[in-house]
Amino acid sequence: GAPLLDVAGVTVRFGGIVALDQVSF
């Protein structure tokens, strides 16, 4: 019953730009 894909708190920055901010699903 576990999900196939689990994204938890993903953050990506390019210099001062935050492209992803704590994304979870």
mmCIF file of all heavy atoms, coordinates in Angstrom:
data_MODEL
# 
_entry.id   MODEL 
# 
loop_
_atom_site.group_PDB 
_atom_site.id 
_atom_site.type_symbol 
_atom_site.label_atom_id 
_atom_site.label_alt_id 
_atom_site.label_comp_id 
_atom_site.label_asym_id 
_atom_site.label_entity_id 
_atom_site.label_seq_id 
_atom_site.pdbx_PDB_ins_code 
_atom_site.Cartn_x 
_atom_site.Cartn_y 
_atom_site.Cartn_z 
_atom_site.occupancy 
_atom_site.B_iso_or_equiv 
_atom_site.pdbx_formal_charge 
_atom_site.auth_seq_id 
_atom_site.auth_comp_id 
_atom_site.auth_asym_id 
_atom_site.auth_atom_id 
_atom_site.pdbx_PDB_model_num 
ATOM 1   N N   . GLY A 1 1  ? 0.784  -1.222 0.000   1.00 0.00 ? 1  GLY A N   1 
ATOM 2   C CA  . GLY A 1 1  ? 0.000  0.000  0.000   1.00 0.00 ? 1  GLY A CA  1 
ATOM 3   C C   . GLY A 1 1  ? 0.819  1.276  0.000   1.00 0.00 ? 1  GLY A C   1 
ATOM 4   O O   . GLY A 1 1  ? 0.260  2.371  -0.036  1.00 0.00 ? 1  GLY A O   1 
ATOM 5   N N   . ALA A 1 2  ? 2.164  1.145  0.046   1.00 0.00 ? 2  ALA A N   1 
ATOM 6   C CA  . ALA A 1 2  ? 3.020  2.329  0.039   1.00 0.00 ? 2  ALA A CA  1 
ATOM 7   C C   . ALA A 1 2  ? 2.984  2.981  -1.341  1.00 0.00 ? 2  ALA A C   1 
ATOM 8   O O   . ALA A 1 2  ? 2.809  2.306  -2.355  1.00 0.00 ? 2  ALA A O   1 
ATOM 9   C CB  . ALA A 1 2  ? 4.461  1.949  0.394   1.00 0.00 ? 2  ALA A CB  1 
ATOM 10  N N   . PRO A 1 3  ? 3.130  4.305  -1.411  1.00 0.00 ? 3  PRO A N   1 
ATOM 11  C CA  . PRO A 1 3  ? 3.137  4.975  -2.716  1.00 0.00 ? 3  PRO A CA  1 
ATOM 12  C C   . PRO A 1 3  ? 4.337  4.540  -3.551  1.00 0.00 ? 3  PRO A C   1 
ATOM 13  O O   . PRO A 1 3  ? 5.391  4.178  -3.004  1.00 0.00 ? 3  PRO A O   1 
ATOM 14  C CB  . PRO A 1 3  ? 3.213  6.457  -2.358  1.00 0.00 ? 3  PRO A CB  1 
ATOM 15  C CG  . PRO A 1 3  ? 3.831  6.500  -0.997  1.00 0.00 ? 3  PRO A CG  1 
ATOM 16  C CD  . PRO A 1 3  ? 3.344  5.260  -0.301  1.00 0.00 ? 3  PRO A CD  1 
ATOM 17  N N   . LEU A 1 4  ? 4.183  4.575  -4.859  1.00 0.00 ? 4  LEU A N   1 
ATOM 18  C CA  . LEU A 1 4  ? 5.317  4.277  -5.736  1.00 0.00 ? 4  LEU A CA  1 
ATOM 19  C C   . LEU A 1 4  ? 6.362  5.376  -5.625  1.00 0.00 ? 4  LEU A C   1 
ATOM 20  O O   . LEU A 1 4  ? 7.567  5.110  -5.553  1.00 0.00 ? 4  LEU A O   1 
ATOM 21  C CB  . LEU A 1 4  ? 4.837  4.157  -7.188  1.00 0.00 ? 4  LEU A CB  1 
ATOM 22  C CG  . LEU A 1 4  ? 5.933  3.833  -8.199  1.00 0.00 ? 4  LEU A CG  1 
ATOM 23  C CD1 . LEU A 1 4  ? 6.332  2.363  -8.088  1.00 0.00 ? 4  LEU A CD1 1 
ATOM 24  C CD2 . LEU A 1 4  ? 5.469  4.149  -9.621  1.00 0.00 ? 4  LEU A CD2 1 
ATOM 25  N N   . LEU A 1 5  ? 5.890  6.629  -5.582  1.00 0.00 ? 5  LEU A N   1 
ATOM 26  C CA  . LEU A 1 5  ? 6.781  7.778  -5.519  1.00 0.00 ? 5  LEU A CA  1 
ATOM 27  C C   . LEU A 1 5  ? 6.402  8.642  -4.333  1.00 0.00 ? 5  LEU A C   1 
ATOM 28  O O   . LEU A 1 5  ? 5.231  8.969  -4.146  1.00 0.00 ? 5  LEU A O   1 
ATOM 29  C CB  . LEU A 1 5  ? 6.673  8.603  -6.808  1.00 0.00 ? 5  LEU A CB  1 
ATOM 30  C CG  . LEU A 1 5  ? 7.494  9.890  -6.868  1.00 0.00 ? 5  LEU A CG  1 
ATOM 31  C CD1 . LEU A 1 5  ? 8.988  9.573  -6.922  1.00 0.00 ? 5  LEU A CD1 1 
ATOM 32  C CD2 . LEU A 1 5  ? 7.084  10.734 -8.077  1.00 0.00 ? 5  LEU A CD2 1 
ATOM 33  N N   . ASP A 1 6  ? 7.399  9.025  -3.539  1.00 0.00 ? 6  ASP A N   1 
ATOM 34  C CA  . ASP A 1 6  ? 7.162  9.862  -2.363  1.00 0.00 ? 6  ASP A CA  1 
ATOM 35  C C   . ASP A 1 6  ? 8.166  11.014 -2.379  1.00 0.00 ? 6  ASP A C   1 
ATOM 36  O O   . ASP A 1 6  ? 9.370  10.807 -2.250  1.00 0.00 ? 6  ASP A O   1 
ATOM 37  C CB  . ASP A 1 6  ? 7.326  9.024  -1.084  1.00 0.00 ? 6  ASP A CB  1 
ATOM 38  C CG  . ASP A 1 6  ? 6.904  9.792  0.163   1.00 0.00 ? 6  ASP A CG  1 
ATOM 39  O OD1 . ASP A 1 6  ? 6.267  10.850 0.020   1.00 0.00 ? 6  ASP A OD1 1 
ATOM 40  O OD2 . ASP A 1 6  ? 7.206  9.322  1.269   1.00 0.00 ? 6  ASP A OD2 1 
ATOM 41  N N   . VAL A 1 7  ? 7.657  12.214 -2.586  1.00 0.00 ? 7  VAL A N   1 
ATOM 42  C CA  . VAL A 1 7  ? 8.476  13.428 -2.603  1.00 0.00 ? 7  VAL A CA  1 
ATOM 43  C C   . VAL A 1 7  ? 8.256  14.137 -1.271  1.00 0.00 ? 7  VAL A C   1 
ATOM 44  O O   . VAL A 1 7  ? 7.119  14.449 -0.913  1.00 0.00 ? 7  VAL A O   1 
ATOM 45  C CB  . VAL A 1 7  ? 8.074  14.349 -3.777  1.00 0.00 ? 7  VAL A CB  1 
ATOM 46  C CG1 . VAL A 1 7  ? 8.879  15.645 -3.747  1.00 0.00 ? 7  VAL A CG1 1 
ATOM 47  C CG2 . VAL A 1 7  ? 8.262  13.619 -5.110  1.00 0.00 ? 7  VAL A CG2 1 
ATOM 48  N N   . ALA A 1 8  ? 9.328  14.382 -0.520  1.00 0.00 ? 8  ALA A N   1 
ATOM 49  C CA  . ALA A 1 8  ? 9.186  14.922 0.837   1.00 0.00 ? 8  ALA A CA  1 
ATOM 50  C C   . ALA A 1 8  ? 10.099 16.119 1.062   1.00 0.00 ? 8  ALA A C   1 
ATOM 51  O O   . ALA A 1 8  ? 11.332 15.979 1.110   1.00 0.00 ? 8  ALA A O   1 
ATOM 52  C CB  . ALA A 1 8  ? 9.502  13.833 1.866   1.00 0.00 ? 8  ALA A CB  1 
ATOM 53  N N   . GLY A 1 9  ? 9.510  17.303 1.160   1.00 0.00 ? 9  GLY A N   1 
ATOM 54  C CA  . GLY A 1 9  ? 10.245 18.507 1.541   1.00 0.00 ? 9  GLY A CA  1 
ATOM 55  C C   . GLY A 1 9  ? 11.358 18.900 0.590   1.00 0.00 ? 9  GLY A C   1 
ATOM 56  O O   . GLY A 1 9  ? 12.399 19.403 1.028   1.00 0.00 ? 9  GLY A O   1 
ATOM 57  N N   . VAL A 1 10 ? 11.156 18.706 -0.707  1.00 0.00 ? 10 VAL A N   1 
ATOM 58  C CA  . VAL A 1 10 ? 12.229 18.968 -1.671  1.00 0.00 ? 10 VAL A CA  1 
ATOM 59  C C   . VAL A 1 10 ? 12.378 20.470 -1.916  1.00 0.00 ? 10 VAL A C   1 
ATOM 60  O O   . VAL A 1 10 ? 11.414 21.166 -2.234  1.00 0.00 ? 10 VAL A O   1 
ATOM 61  C CB  . VAL A 1 10 ? 11.962 18.233 -3.000  1.00 0.00 ? 10 VAL A CB  1 
ATOM 62  C CG1 . VAL A 1 10 ? 12.911 18.720 -4.098  1.00 0.00 ? 10 VAL A CG1 1 
ATOM 63  C CG2 . VAL A 1 10 ? 12.122 16.736 -2.798  1.00 0.00 ? 10 VAL A CG2 1 
ATOM 64  N N   . THR A 1 11 ? 13.610 20.944 -1.760  1.00 0.00 ? 11 THR A N   1 
ATOM 65  C CA  . THR A 1 11 ? 13.946 22.348 -1.990  1.00 0.00 ? 11 THR A CA  1 
ATOM 66  C C   . THR A 1 11 ? 15.102 22.429 -2.980  1.00 0.00 ? 11 THR A C   1 
ATOM 67  O O   . THR A 1 11 ? 16.099 21.712 -2.837  1.00 0.00 ? 11 THR A O   1 
ATOM 68  C CB  . THR A 1 11 ? 14.344 23.044 -0.675  1.00 0.00 ? 11 THR A CB  1 
ATOM 69  O OG1 . THR A 1 11 ? 13.215 23.060 0.205   1.00 0.00 ? 11 THR A OG1 1 
ATOM 70  C CG2 . THR A 1 11 ? 14.794 24.477 -0.920  1.00 0.00 ? 11 THR A CG2 1 
ATOM 71  N N   . VAL A 1 12 ? 14.939 23.301 -3.969  1.00 0.00 ? 12 VAL A N   1 
ATOM 72  C CA  . VAL A 1 12 ? 15.989 23.533 -4.974  1.00 0.00 ? 12 VAL A CA  1 
ATOM 73  C C   . VAL A 1 12 ? 16.171 25.035 -5.123  1.00 0.00 ? 12 VAL A C   1 
ATOM 74  O O   . VAL A 1 12 ? 15.199 25.776 -5.308  1.00 0.00 ? 12 VAL A O   1 
ATOM 75  C CB  . VAL A 1 12 ? 15.621 22.920 -6.340  1.00 0.00 ? 12 VAL A CB  1 
ATOM 76  C CG1 . VAL A 1 12 ? 16.677 23.271 -7.387  1.00 0.00 ? 12 VAL A CG1 1 
ATOM 77  C CG2 . VAL A 1 12 ? 15.469 21.408 -6.233  1.00 0.00 ? 12 VAL A CG2 1 
ATOM 78  N N   . ARG A 1 13 ? 17.424 25.487 -5.036  1.00 0.00 ? 13 ARG A N   1 
ATOM 79  C CA  . ARG A 1 13 ? 17.734 26.901 -5.234  1.00 0.00 ? 13 ARG A CA  1 
ATOM 80  C C   . ARG A 1 13 ? 18.755 27.054 -6.348  1.00 0.00 ? 13 ARG A C   1 
ATOM 81  O O   . ARG A 1 13 ? 19.686 26.264 -6.468  1.00 0.00 ? 13 ARG A O   1 
ATOM 82  C CB  . ARG A 1 13 ? 18.301 27.519 -3.947  1.00 0.00 ? 13 ARG A CB  1 
ATOM 83  C CG  . ARG A 1 13 ? 17.300 27.704 -2.832  1.00 0.00 ? 13 ARG A CG  1 
ATOM 84  C CD  . ARG A 1 13 ? 17.931 28.437 -1.650  1.00 0.00 ? 13 ARG A CD  1 
ATOM 85  N NE  . ARG A 1 13 ? 16.949 28.765 -0.619  1.00 0.00 ? 13 ARG A NE  1 
ATOM 86  C CZ  . ARG A 1 13 ? 16.612 27.966 0.383   1.00 0.00 ? 13 ARG A CZ  1 
ATOM 87  N NH1 . ARG A 1 13 ? 17.186 26.774 0.473   1.00 0.00 ? 13 ARG A NH1 1 
ATOM 88  N NH2 . ARG A 1 13 ? 15.710 28.328 1.275   1.00 0.00 ? 13 ARG A NH2 1 
ATOM 89  N N   . PHE A 1 14 ? 18.561 28.090 -7.151  1.00 0.00 ? 14 PHE A N   1 
ATOM 90  C CA  . PHE A 1 14 ? 19.540 28.475 -8.159  1.00 0.00 ? 14 PHE A CA  1 
ATOM 91  C C   . PHE A 1 14 ? 20.003 29.886 -7.802  1.00 0.00 ? 14 PHE A C   1 
ATOM 92  O O   . PHE A 1 14 ? 19.341 30.868 -8.125  1.00 0.00 ? 14 PHE A O   1 
ATOM 93  C CB  . PHE A 1 14 ? 18.930 28.458 -9.562  1.00 0.00 ? 14 PHE A CB  1 
ATOM 94  C CG  . PHE A 1 14 ? 18.410 27.105 -9.979  1.00 0.00 ? 14 PHE A CG  1 
ATOM 95  C CD1 . PHE A 1 14 ? 17.058 26.887 -10.148 1.00 0.00 ? 14 PHE A CD1 1 
ATOM 96  C CD2 . PHE A 1 14 ? 19.291 26.058 -10.215 1.00 0.00 ? 14 PHE A CD2 1 
ATOM 97  C CE1 . PHE A 1 14 ? 16.578 25.647 -10.532 1.00 0.00 ? 14 PHE A CE1 1 
ATOM 98  C CE2 . PHE A 1 14 ? 18.821 24.805 -10.599 1.00 0.00 ? 14 PHE A CE2 1 
ATOM 99  C CZ  . PHE A 1 14 ? 17.464 24.597 -10.757 1.00 0.00 ? 14 PHE A CZ  1 
ATOM 100 N N   . GLY A 1 15 ? 21.120 29.970 -7.066  1.00 0.00 ? 15 GLY A N   1 
ATOM 101 C CA  . GLY A 1 15 ? 21.558 31.254 -6.560  1.00 0.00 ? 15 GLY A CA  1 
ATOM 102 C C   . GLY A 1 15 ? 20.537 31.753 -5.549  1.00 0.00 ? 15 GLY A C   1 
ATOM 103 O O   . GLY A 1 15 ? 20.186 31.069 -4.589  1.00 0.00 ? 15 GLY A O   1 
ATOM 104 N N   . GLY A 1 16 ? 20.001 32.953 -5.783  1.00 0.00 ? 16 GLY A N   1 
ATOM 105 C CA  . GLY A 1 16 ? 19.008 33.501 -4.874  1.00 0.00 ? 16 GLY A CA  1 
ATOM 106 C C   . GLY A 1 16 ? 17.582 33.137 -5.237  1.00 0.00 ? 16 GLY A C   1 
ATOM 107 O O   . GLY A 1 16 ? 16.640 33.572 -4.555  1.00 0.00 ? 16 GLY A O   1 
ATOM 108 N N   . ILE A 1 17 ? 17.397 32.349 -6.288  1.00 0.00 ? 17 ILE A N   1 
ATOM 109 C CA  . ILE A 1 17 ? 16.060 31.976 -6.738  1.00 0.00 ? 17 ILE A CA  1 
ATOM 110 C C   . ILE A 1 17 ? 15.671 30.628 -6.141  1.00 0.00 ? 17 ILE A C   1 
ATOM 111 O O   . ILE A 1 17 ? 16.414 29.643 -6.272  1.00 0.00 ? 17 ILE A O   1 
ATOM 112 C CB  . ILE A 1 17 ? 15.988 31.905 -8.274  1.00 0.00 ? 17 ILE A CB  1 
ATOM 113 C CG1 . ILE A 1 17 ? 16.295 33.268 -8.873  1.00 0.00 ? 17 ILE A CG1 1 
ATOM 114 C CG2 . ILE A 1 17 ? 14.618 31.406 -8.739  1.00 0.00 ? 17 ILE A CG2 1 
ATOM 115 C CD1 . ILE A 1 17 ? 16.427 33.258 -10.381 1.00 0.00 ? 17 ILE A CD1 1 
ATOM 116 N N   . VAL A 1 18 ? 14.522 30.577 -5.494  1.00 0.00 ? 18 VAL A N   1 
ATOM 117 C CA  . VAL A 1 18 ? 14.017 29.325 -4.940  1.00 0.00 ? 18 VAL A CA  1 
ATOM 118 C C   . VAL A 1 18 ? 13.089 28.700 -5.977  1.00 0.00 ? 18 VAL A C   1 
ATOM 119 O O   . VAL A 1 18 ? 11.973 29.176 -6.200  1.00 0.00 ? 18 VAL A O   1 
ATOM 120 C CB  . VAL A 1 18 ? 13.260 29.558 -3.615  1.00 0.00 ? 18 VAL A CB  1 
ATOM 121 C CG1 . VAL A 1 18 ? 12.763 28.220 -3.060  1.00 0.00 ? 18 VAL A CG1 1 
ATOM 122 C CG2 . VAL A 1 18 ? 14.162 30.256 -2.605  1.00 0.00 ? 18 VAL A CG2 1 
ATOM 123 N N   . ALA A 1 19 ? 13.568 27.638 -6.638  1.00 0.00 ? 19 ALA A N   1 
ATOM 124 C CA  . ALA A 1 19 ? 12.781 26.984 -7.683  1.00 0.00 ? 19 ALA A CA  1 
ATOM 125 C C   . ALA A 1 19 ? 11.751 26.027 -7.098  1.00 0.00 ? 19 ALA A C   1 
ATOM 126 O O   . ALA A 1 19 ? 10.648 25.882 -7.638  1.00 0.00 ? 19 ALA A O   1 
ATOM 127 C CB  . ALA A 1 19 ? 13.706 26.240 -8.644  1.00 0.00 ? 19 ALA A CB  1 
ATOM 128 N N   . LEU A 1 20 ? 12.110 25.343 -6.014  1.00 0.00 ? 20 LEU A N   1 
ATOM 129 C CA  . LEU A 1 20 ? 11.185 24.474 -5.287  1.00 0.00 ? 20 LEU A CA  1 
ATOM 130 C C   . LEU A 1 20 ? 11.369 24.746 -3.803  1.00 0.00 ? 20 LEU A C   1 
ATOM 131 O O   . LEU A 1 20 ? 12.504 24.810 -3.311  1.00 0.00 ? 20 LEU A O   1 
ATOM 132 C CB  . LEU A 1 20 ? 11.453 22.994 -5.583  1.00 0.00 ? 20 LEU A CB  1 
ATOM 133 C CG  . LEU A 1 20 ? 11.161 22.487 -6.990  1.00 0.00 ? 20 LEU A CG  1 
ATOM 134 C CD1 . LEU A 1 20 ? 11.626 21.042 -7.154  1.00 0.00 ? 20 LEU A CD1 1 
ATOM 135 C CD2 . LEU A 1 20 ? 9.669  22.598 -7.318  1.00 0.00 ? 20 LEU A CD2 1 
ATOM 136 N N   . ASP A 1 21 ? 10.249 24.869 -3.079  1.00 0.00 ? 21 ASP A N   1 
ATOM 137 C CA  . ASP A 1 21 ? 10.298 25.251 -1.676  1.00 0.00 ? 21 ASP A CA  1 
ATOM 138 C C   . ASP A 1 21 ? 9.508  24.250 -0.832  1.00 0.00 ? 21 ASP A C   1 
ATOM 139 O O   . ASP A 1 21 ? 8.292  24.321 -0.732  1.00 0.00 ? 21 ASP A O   1 
ATOM 140 C CB  . ASP A 1 21 ? 9.720  26.664 -1.520  1.00 0.00 ? 21 ASP A CB  1 
ATOM 141 C CG  . ASP A 1 21 ? 9.841  27.198 -0.097  1.00 0.00 ? 21 ASP A CG  1 
ATOM 142 O OD1 . ASP A 1 21 ? 10.490 26.538 0.740   1.00 0.00 ? 21 ASP A OD1 1 
ATOM 143 O OD2 . ASP A 1 21 ? 9.275  28.269 0.170   1.00 0.00 ? 21 ASP A OD2 1 
ATOM 144 N N   . GLN A 1 22 ? 10.224 23.263 -0.279  1.00 0.00 ? 22 GLN A N   1 
ATOM 145 C CA  . GLN A 1 22 ? 9.619  22.283 0.628   1.00 0.00 ? 22 GLN A CA  1 
ATOM 146 C C   . GLN A 1 22 ? 8.418  21.565 -0.019  1.00 0.00 ? 22 GLN A C   1 
ATOM 147 O O   . GLN A 1 22 ? 7.359  21.418 0.603   1.00 0.00 ? 22 GLN A O   1 
ATOM 148 C CB  . GLN A 1 22 ? 9.179  22.965 1.924   1.00 0.00 ? 22 GLN A CB  1 
ATOM 149 C CG  . GLN A 1 22 ? 10.321 23.495 2.777   1.00 0.00 ? 22 GLN A CG  1 
ATOM 150 C CD  . GLN A 1 22 ? 11.083 22.376 3.465   1.00 0.00 ? 22 GLN A CD  1 
ATOM 151 O OE1 . GLN A 1 22 ? 10.506 21.454 4.046   1.00 0.00 ? 22 GLN A OE1 1 
ATOM 152 N NE2 . GLN A 1 22 ? 12.404 22.436 3.374   1.00 0.00 ? 22 GLN A NE2 1 
ATOM 153 N N   . VAL A 1 23 ? 8.592  21.103 -1.231  1.00 0.00 ? 23 VAL A N   1 
ATOM 154 C CA  . VAL A 1 23 ? 7.500  20.442 -1.957  1.00 0.00 ? 23 VAL A CA  1 
ATOM 155 C C   . VAL A 1 23 ? 7.376  18.995 -1.511  1.00 0.00 ? 23 VAL A C   1 
ATOM 156 O O   . VAL A 1 23 ? 8.364  18.245 -1.488  1.00 0.00 ? 23 VAL A O   1 
ATOM 157 C CB  . VAL A 1 23 ? 7.725  20.516 -3.480  1.00 0.00 ? 23 VAL A CB  1 
ATOM 158 C CG1 . VAL A 1 23 ? 6.705  19.653 -4.227  1.00 0.00 ? 23 VAL A CG1 1 
ATOM 159 C CG2 . VAL A 1 23 ? 7.631  21.962 -3.954  1.00 0.00 ? 23 VAL A CG2 1 
ATOM 160 N N   . SER A 1 24 ? 6.151  18.594 -1.157  1.00 0.00 ? 24 SER A N   1 
ATOM 161 C CA  . SER A 1 24 ? 5.872  17.218 -0.728  1.00 0.00 ? 24 SER A CA  1 
ATOM 162 C C   . SER A 1 24 ? 4.579  16.728 -1.369  1.00 0.00 ? 24 SER A C   1 
ATOM 163 O O   . SER A 1 24 ? 3.589  17.460 -1.407  1.00 0.00 ? 24 SER A O   1 
ATOM 164 C CB  . SER A 1 24 ? 5.727  17.138 0.798   1.00 0.00 ? 24 SER A CB  1 
ATOM 165 O OG  . SER A 1 24 ? 6.909  17.535 1.462   1.00 0.00 ? 24 SER A OG  1 
ATOM 166 N N   . PHE A 1 25 ? 4.611  15.496 -1.886  1.00 0.00 ? 25 PHE A N   1 
ATOM 167 C CA  . PHE A 1 25 ? 3.399  14.812 -2.336  1.00 0.00 ? 25 PHE A CA  1 
ATOM 168 C C   . PHE A 1 25 ? 3.773  13.352 -2.621  1.00 0.00 ? 25 PHE A C   1 
ATOM 169 O O   . PHE A 1 25 ? 4.958  13.009 -2.711  1.00 0.00 ? 25 PHE A O   1 
ATOM 170 C CB  . PHE A 1 25 ? 2.784  15.469 -3.579  1.00 0.00 ? 25 PHE A CB  1 
ATOM 171 C CG  . PHE A 1 25 ? 3.636  15.398 -4.824  1.00 0.00 ? 25 PHE A CG  1 
ATOM 172 C CD1 . PHE A 1 25 ? 3.476  14.370 -5.742  1.00 0.00 ? 25 PHE A CD1 1 
ATOM 173 C CD2 . PHE A 1 25 ? 4.589  16.377 -5.074  1.00 0.00 ? 25 PHE A CD2 1 
ATOM 174 C CE1 . PHE A 1 25 ? 4.264  14.311 -6.889  1.00 0.00 ? 25 PHE A CE1 1 
ATOM 175 C CE2 . PHE A 1 25 ? 5.373  16.329 -6.214  1.00 0.00 ? 25 PHE A CE2 1 
ATOM 176 C CZ  . PHE A 1 25 ? 5.205  15.289 -7.127  1.00 0.00 ? 25 PHE A CZ  1 
# 
